[in-house]
Amino acid sequence: MSVIDLGGTADAWLRAPVRPAHVHLVNLESPPAVQPEWMETDLADACELPDSILKGQYDLVISNSVLEHVGGHERRQRFADAVHRLADRHWIQTPYRYFPVEPHWLFPGFQFLPAAARAVVARHWPLVHTPPADRATALRAALGVELVSRTELAFYFPDSHIRAERMAGLVKSLIAVKA
């Protein structure tokens, strides 16, 4: 099986208990200097993939927690269009907008706050991964995450089954699956 992972990392696949015959990673972060022969990596934007990637033959597209970072409806649509073009099957996971705790900041209701309040939380909340140095950086980080609803995910992936991943009985994340 040949898999293309949009936004994936080599580390995740190296730790996986099962792996496909070929994995093609596409990420905005630099790929590792050394990788196994079954892995291919490209530094690219999943919303603006070069033809060399779009012309590839893949059995499955995987993306884990990337859709909320691509930047607005137009870019989410381009991301989805790329997924549909790359393979007949996909597994696209994204945190759910209405889960009470925002997963990037681990702050209750963060996604519902006004942008200015999100910037303050991003700078001062003790559970943030790396506190931004200034207000502008905090605001950029807060605006860089746009969680999606079930309706939005179904819009981008209309032929997919939308599955819910739950925590404590609440929907934590959504997965668009097309088998």
Protein backbone atom coordinates (compact mmCIF):
# COMPACT_ATOMS: atom_id res chain seq x y z
CA MET A 1 0.00 0.00 0.00
CA SER A 2 1.19 3.51 -0.84
CA VAL A 3 0.22 6.27 1.60
CA ILE A 4 0.63 10.03 1.36
CA ASP A 5 0.56 11.77 4.71
CA LEU A 6 -0.23 15.49 4.51
CA GLY A 7 1.39 17.15 7.51
CA GLY A 8 2.82 13.93 8.88
CA THR A 9 6.23 13.36 10.38
CA ALA A 10 8.83 10.65 9.97
CA ASP A 11 8.90 10.13 13.72
CA ALA A 12 5.23 9.13 13.82
CA TRP A 13 5.71 6.51 11.09
CA LEU A 14 8.93 5.18 12.61
CA ARG A 15 7.03 4.54 15.88
CA ALA A 16 3.98 3.02 14.17
CA PRO A 17 3.44 -0.67 14.95
CA VAL A 18 2.40 -1.32 11.34
CA ARG A 19 3.59 0.48 8.25
CA PRO A 20 2.67 0.48 4.57
CA ALA A 21 5.10 -0.43 1.81
CA HIS A 22 5.58 3.25 0.90
CA VAL A 23 4.91 6.46 2.83
CA HIS A 24 5.19 9.90 1.24
CA LEU A 25 5.31 12.67 3.84
CA VAL A 26 4.42 16.24 2.88
CA ASN A 27 5.09 18.89 5.49
CA LEU A 28 6.12 22.53 5.89
CA GLU A 29 8.88 21.43 8.26
CA SER A 30 12.21 20.24 6.94
CA PRO A 31 12.40 16.47 6.50
CA PRO A 32 14.92 14.40 8.44
CA ALA A 33 18.39 14.08 6.95
CA VAL A 34 18.22 10.29 7.04
CA GLN A 35 15.11 8.25 6.37
CA PRO A 36 14.33 4.62 5.56
CA GLU A 37 14.03 3.53 1.94
CA TRP A 38 10.26 3.01 2.28
CA MET A 39 9.77 6.70 3.18
CA GLU A 40 9.76 9.71 0.86
CA THR A 41 9.51 13.30 2.10
CA ASP A 42 8.75 16.63 0.51
CA LEU A 43 8.80 20.14 1.90
CA ALA A 44 5.52 21.53 0.51
CA ASP A 45 2.22 23.20 1.34
CA ALA A 46 -0.65 20.67 1.28
CA CYS A 47 -2.96 23.39 -0.09
CA GLU A 48 -0.64 24.16 -3.00
CA LEU A 49 0.95 20.86 -3.92
CA PRO A 50 3.30 20.79 -6.88
CA ASP A 51 2.30 18.70 -9.92
CA SER A 52 5.08 16.22 -9.12
CA ILE A 53 3.14 15.24 -5.98
CA LEU A 54 -0.37 15.59 -7.44
CA LYS A 55 0.55 13.17 -10.25
CA GLY A 56 1.58 10.49 -7.76
CA GLN A 57 -0.29 7.21 -7.36
CA TYR A 58 -1.47 6.64 -3.79
CA ASP A 59 -3.84 4.16 -2.21
CA LEU A 60 -4.63 6.33 0.80
CA VAL A 61 -4.33 9.95 2.00
CA ILE A 62 -3.83 10.46 5.72
CA SER A 63 -3.82 13.72 7.61
CA ASN A 64 -3.87 14.10 11.36
CA SER A 65 -4.67 17.47 12.96
CA VAL A 66 -3.70 19.61 9.96
CA LEU A 67 -6.98 20.90 8.52
CA GLU A 68 -7.46 23.38 11.39
CA HIS A 69 -4.08 24.96 10.62
CA VAL A 70 -4.29 25.57 6.86
CA GLY A 71 -5.98 28.98 7.07
CA GLY A 72 -9.60 29.72 6.30
CA HIS A 73 -12.29 28.30 4.07
CA GLU A 74 -10.50 28.81 0.72
CA ARG A 75 -7.38 26.98 1.89
CA ARG A 76 -9.39 24.23 3.59
CA GLN A 77 -11.19 23.74 0.27
CA ARG A 78 -7.86 23.54 -1.60
CA PHE A 79 -6.61 21.04 0.98
CA ALA A 80 -9.74 18.91 0.48
CA ASP A 81 -9.44 19.17 -3.31
CA ALA A 82 -5.87 17.89 -3.07
CA VAL A 83 -6.99 14.98 -0.87
CA HIS A 84 -9.69 14.02 -3.40
CA ARG A 85 -7.23 14.22 -6.27
CA LEU A 86 -4.45 12.21 -4.59
CA ALA A 87 -6.35 9.00 -3.84
CA ASP A 88 -9.78 7.39 -3.78
CA ARG A 89 -9.46 6.66 -0.06
CA HIS A 90 -8.66 8.97 2.84
CA TRP A 91 -8.55 9.34 6.62
CA ILE A 92 -8.60 13.02 7.65
CA GLN A 93 -8.68 13.78 11.38
CA THR A 94 -9.23 17.21 12.96
CA PRO A 95 -10.12 18.41 16.47
CA TYR A 96 -13.83 19.18 16.88
CA ARG A 97 -14.79 22.83 17.23
CA TYR A 98 -17.34 22.18 19.97
CA PHE A 99 -15.25 20.06 22.31
CA PRO A 100 -15.13 22.16 25.49
CA VAL A 101 -11.33 22.20 25.83
CA GLU A 102 -9.36 23.62 22.89
CA PRO A 103 -6.61 21.01 22.27
CA HIS A 104 -3.77 23.35 21.26
CA TRP A 105 -3.91 25.52 24.39
CA LEU A 106 -5.73 23.09 26.71
CA PHE A 107 -7.95 25.99 27.68
CA PRO A 108 -11.73 25.62 28.13
CA GLY A 109 -13.68 27.55 25.49
CA PHE A 110 -10.57 29.14 23.97
CA GLN A 111 -11.99 28.79 20.43
CA PHE A 112 -15.04 30.89 21.37
CA LEU A 113 -13.16 33.86 22.84
CA PRO A 114 -12.60 37.11 20.93
CA ALA A 115 -9.21 37.26 19.21
CA ALA A 116 -7.78 39.74 21.73
CA ALA A 117 -8.69 37.47 24.64
CA ARG A 118 -7.21 34.44 22.86
CA ALA A 119 -3.94 36.36 22.48
CA VAL A 120 -3.86 37.09 26.22
CA VAL A 121 -4.54 33.43 27.06
CA ALA A 122 -1.90 32.28 24.55
CA ARG A 123 0.70 34.43 26.30
CA HIS A 124 -0.16 33.68 29.91
CA TRP A 125 -1.91 30.31 30.21
CA PRO A 126 0.47 27.92 32.04
CA LEU A 127 -0.41 24.89 29.90
CA VAL A 128 0.55 26.46 26.58
CA HIS A 129 3.35 24.49 24.88
CA THR A 130 5.64 27.46 24.15
CA PRO A 131 4.43 30.85 25.40
CA PRO A 132 4.67 33.50 22.67
CA ALA A 133 7.16 36.29 23.40
CA ASP A 134 4.86 39.20 22.54
CA ARG A 135 1.24 40.09 21.79
CA ALA A 136 1.64 40.03 17.99
CA THR A 137 3.13 36.52 18.06
CA ALA A 138 0.39 35.36 20.46
CA LEU A 139 -2.33 36.79 18.23
CA ARG A 140 -0.78 35.18 15.14
CA ALA A 141 -0.69 31.81 16.93
CA ALA A 142 -4.29 32.14 18.12
CA LEU A 143 -5.54 33.13 14.66
CA GLY A 144 -3.58 30.28 13.08
CA VAL A 145 -5.95 27.66 14.48
CA GLU A 146 -9.52 27.41 13.20
CA LEU A 147 -11.34 24.36 14.50
CA VAL A 148 -14.08 23.00 12.24
CA SER A 149 -17.56 21.65 12.87
CA ARG A 150 -19.11 18.41 11.63
CA THR A 151 -21.03 20.40 8.98
CA GLU A 152 -17.84 22.00 7.66
CA LEU A 153 -15.94 18.71 7.55
CA ALA A 154 -18.85 17.05 5.72
CA PHE A 155 -18.86 19.95 3.25
CA TYR A 156 -15.16 19.48 2.41
CA PHE A 157 -15.49 15.69 2.29
CA PRO A 158 -19.06 15.06 1.02
CA ASP A 159 -18.50 11.42 0.03
CA SER A 160 -16.92 10.51 3.36
CA HIS A 161 -18.28 8.92 6.47
CA ILE A 162 -17.76 11.39 9.34
CA ARG A 163 -16.70 9.51 12.46
CA ALA A 164 -16.45 10.92 15.96
CA GLU A 165 -13.60 10.28 18.36
CA ARG A 166 -14.87 10.70 21.91
CA MET A 167 -13.41 11.56 25.28
CA ALA A 168 -15.54 11.30 28.42
CA GLY A 169 -18.55 10.79 26.14
CA LEU A 170 -18.00 14.07 24.28
CA VAL A 171 -16.88 14.39 20.67
CA LYS A 172 -13.19 15.36 20.83
CA SER A 173 -12.27 15.09 17.17
CA LEU A 174 -13.79 14.24 13.82
CA ILE A 175 -12.49 11.92 11.13
CA ALA A 176 -13.55 12.00 7.49
CA VAL A 177 -13.14 8.45 6.19
CA LYS A 178 -13.55 7.29 2.64
CA ALA A 179 -12.73 3.62 2.16
